[in-house]
């Protein structure tokens, strides 16, 4: 009974220390979207509109929290998605696909038209065909979601370096 009590006490001490250390750290990541001071004054999306809009909306959310002194920018997003079969069985049935997301982004200063950033983000991933068509579509959508996330994170880093 005494051993069990000691384990519980040690757990609470360790847990309390973790909370105290976490609250005192004041940790802020270097490439935090909160460090970016910009306002999107104009934008255009070409290629895969749904993907481009998803990236734009994530960027827009950050810009809406910035004050009026933030730099006004114009952003152009061109997203291209390509899906290719990579593995087939002996009957020719597709077992695996590769999705490639190629997104080129250009950012210019809205007032001066000076180029701030021009970058191509190219990410790919594979997913396996599932027994049920619905599950295959879910796997494909999850793969695309992950590629969009990688593109967005890369774009935030590039913007942080250039704005």
Protein backbone atom coordinates (compact mmCIF):
# COMPACT_ATOMS: atom_id res chain seq x y z
CA UNK A 1 0.00 0.00 0.00
CA UNK A 2 2.88 2.36 0.81
CA UNK A 3 4.54 1.67 -2.60
CA UNK A 4 1.35 2.63 -4.43
CA UNK A 5 1.07 5.88 -2.47
CA UNK A 6 4.70 6.73 -3.28
CA UNK A 7 4.08 6.16 -7.01
CA UNK A 8 1.03 8.43 -6.96
CA UNK A 9 2.96 11.14 -5.09
CA UNK A 10 5.87 10.91 -7.55
CA UNK A 11 3.45 11.17 -10.45
CA UNK A 12 1.84 14.33 -9.06
CA UNK A 13 5.21 15.92 -8.31
CA UNK A 14 6.44 15.18 -11.85
CA UNK A 15 3.17 16.38 -13.37
CA UNK A 16 3.21 19.60 -11.32
CA UNK A 17 6.81 20.29 -12.32
CA UNK A 18 5.91 19.78 -15.97
CA UNK A 19 3.06 22.30 -15.70
CA UNK A 20 5.22 24.87 -13.89
CA UNK A 21 8.07 24.53 -16.40
CA UNK A 22 5.65 24.73 -19.33
CA UNK A 23 4.01 27.89 -17.99
CA UNK A 24 7.31 29.63 -17.26
CA UNK A 25 9.06 28.92 -20.52
CA UNK A 26 7.49 31.67 -22.66
CA UNK A 27 8.43 29.56 -25.69
CA UNK A 28 7.65 31.08 -29.06
CA UNK A 29 8.61 29.27 -32.26
CA UNK A 30 10.86 31.18 -34.64
CA UNK A 31 8.61 30.62 -37.64
CA UNK A 32 5.35 31.40 -35.91
CA UNK A 33 2.58 32.70 -38.15
CA UNK A 34 1.96 35.30 -35.43
CA UNK A 35 5.33 36.91 -36.24
CA UNK A 36 4.21 37.66 -39.79
CA UNK A 37 2.90 41.18 -40.24
CA UNK A 38 1.04 41.36 -43.55
CA UNK A 39 -2.36 42.16 -44.97
CA UNK A 40 -3.53 40.52 -48.18
CA UNK A 41 -4.85 43.38 -50.32
CA UNK A 42 -5.22 41.40 -53.54
CA UNK A 43 -4.87 37.80 -54.66
CA UNK A 44 -5.34 35.45 -57.58
CA UNK A 45 -5.66 31.68 -57.74
CA UNK A 46 -5.04 29.58 -60.83
CA UNK A 47 -4.87 25.85 -61.47
CA UNK A 48 -6.58 23.68 -58.86
CA UNK A 49 -8.92 26.30 -57.38
CA UNK A 50 -9.95 24.24 -54.34
CA UNK A 51 -6.34 23.65 -53.28
CA UNK A 52 -5.35 27.25 -54.00
CA UNK A 53 -8.30 28.54 -51.99
CA UNK A 54 -7.45 26.31 -49.04
CA UNK A 55 -3.90 27.71 -48.91
CA UNK A 56 -5.17 31.27 -49.43
CA UNK A 57 -7.76 30.96 -46.62
CA UNK A 58 -5.09 29.76 -44.17
CA UNK A 59 -2.93 32.79 -45.09
CA UNK A 60 -5.93 35.11 -44.90
CA UNK A 61 -6.73 33.96 -41.35
CA UNK A 62 -3.27 35.06 -40.21
CA UNK A 63 -3.51 38.42 -41.99
CA UNK A 64 -6.88 39.23 -40.41
CA UNK A 65 -5.33 39.25 -36.95
CA UNK A 66 -2.61 41.75 -37.95
CA UNK A 67 -2.90 45.47 -37.28
CA UNK A 68 -3.18 48.24 -39.84
CA UNK A 69 0.59 48.85 -39.90
CA UNK A 70 1.16 45.43 -41.49
CA UNK A 71 2.67 45.32 -44.98
CA UNK A 72 0.07 45.10 -47.77
CA UNK A 73 0.76 42.29 -50.17
CA UNK A 74 -0.62 40.76 -53.33
CA UNK A 75 -0.38 37.00 -53.58
CA UNK A 76 -0.70 34.71 -56.60
CA UNK A 77 -1.14 30.99 -56.05
CA UNK A 78 -0.99 28.42 -58.85
CA UNK A 79 -1.62 24.88 -57.62
CA UNK A 80 -1.28 21.83 -59.87
CA UNK A 81 -2.17 18.32 -58.74
CA UNK A 82 -1.12 15.19 -60.57
CA UNK A 83 -2.18 11.63 -59.71
CA UNK A 84 -0.33 8.67 -61.22
CA UNK A 85 -0.60 4.93 -60.74
CA UNK A 86 2.67 3.61 -59.29
CA UNK A 87 1.96 -0.05 -58.49
CA UNK A 88 -0.21 -2.50 -60.44
CA UNK A 89 -0.82 -6.19 -59.90
CA UNK A 90 -0.38 -8.89 -62.58
CA UNK A 91 -3.91 -8.27 -63.93
CA UNK A 92 -3.17 -4.55 -64.34
CA UNK A 93 -5.30 -3.48 -61.38
CA UNK A 94 -3.90 -0.35 -59.70
CA UNK A 95 -2.73 -0.97 -56.12
CA UNK A 96 -1.05 2.36 -55.33
CA UNK A 97 -1.09 5.97 -56.53
CA UNK A 98 1.34 8.87 -56.22
CA UNK A 99 -0.06 12.37 -55.83
CA UNK A 100 2.19 15.30 -56.68
CA UNK A 101 1.26 18.81 -55.59
CA UNK A 102 3.20 21.55 -57.32
CA UNK A 103 2.36 25.03 -56.09
CA UNK A 104 4.02 28.18 -57.31
CA UNK A 105 3.51 31.27 -55.19
CA UNK A 106 4.48 34.83 -55.93
CA UNK A 107 4.10 37.62 -53.42
CA UNK A 108 4.53 41.29 -54.25
CA UNK A 109 4.25 44.47 -52.23
CA UNK A 110 0.76 45.83 -52.98
CA UNK A 111 1.86 49.48 -52.96
CA UNK A 112 5.26 49.34 -54.69
CA UNK A 113 4.77 46.14 -56.74
CA UNK A 114 8.24 45.01 -55.55
CA UNK A 115 8.68 41.23 -55.61
CA UNK A 116 8.83 39.82 -52.07
CA UNK A 117 8.78 36.12 -52.82
CA UNK A 118 8.67 33.78 -55.80
CA UNK A 119 8.84 30.12 -54.87
CA UNK A 120 7.82 26.69 -56.15
CA UNK A 121 6.71 24.10 -53.61
CA UNK A 122 6.74 20.53 -54.87
CA UNK A 123 5.60 17.72 -52.59
CA UNK A 124 4.40 14.20 -53.27
CA UNK A 125 3.09 11.20 -51.42
CA UNK A 126 1.67 7.77 -52.16
CA UNK A 127 -1.47 6.04 -50.98
CA UNK A 128 -2.73 2.50 -51.40
CA UNK A 129 -5.98 1.57 -53.09
CA UNK A 130 -8.41 0.24 -50.47
CA UNK A 131 -10.99 -2.55 -50.84
CA UNK A 132 -13.83 -0.05 -50.66
CA UNK A 133 -13.88 2.83 -53.16
CA UNK A 134 -15.03 5.24 -50.42
CA UNK A 135 -11.98 4.34 -48.31
CA UNK A 136 -9.69 4.92 -51.31
CA UNK A 137 -11.21 8.40 -51.79
CA UNK A 138 -10.71 9.11 -48.07
CA UNK A 139 -7.05 8.07 -48.35
CA UNK A 140 -6.59 10.28 -51.41
CA UNK A 141 -8.20 13.28 -49.70
CA UNK A 142 -6.06 12.77 -46.59
CA UNK A 143 -2.95 12.63 -48.79
CA UNK A 144 -3.92 15.88 -50.52
CA UNK A 145 -4.66 17.48 -47.14
CA UNK A 146 -1.15 16.53 -45.93
CA UNK A 147 0.46 17.93 -49.09
CA UNK A 148 -1.45 21.21 -48.64
CA UNK A 149 -0.25 21.37 -45.03
CA UNK A 150 3.39 20.86 -46.12
CA UNK A 151 3.00 23.57 -48.77
CA UNK A 152 1.40 26.00 -46.31
CA UNK A 153 4.10 25.40 -43.68
CA UNK A 154 6.84 25.90 -46.27
CA UNK A 155 5.16 29.08 -47.45
CA UNK A 156 4.93 30.45 -43.90
CA UNK A 157 8.66 29.85 -43.44
CA UNK A 158 9.46 31.58 -46.75
CA UNK A 159 7.20 34.53 -45.89
CA UNK A 160 8.81 34.86 -42.46
CA UNK A 161 12.22 35.02 -44.14
CA UNK A 162 11.11 37.63 -46.70
CA UNK A 163 8.57 39.96 -45.06
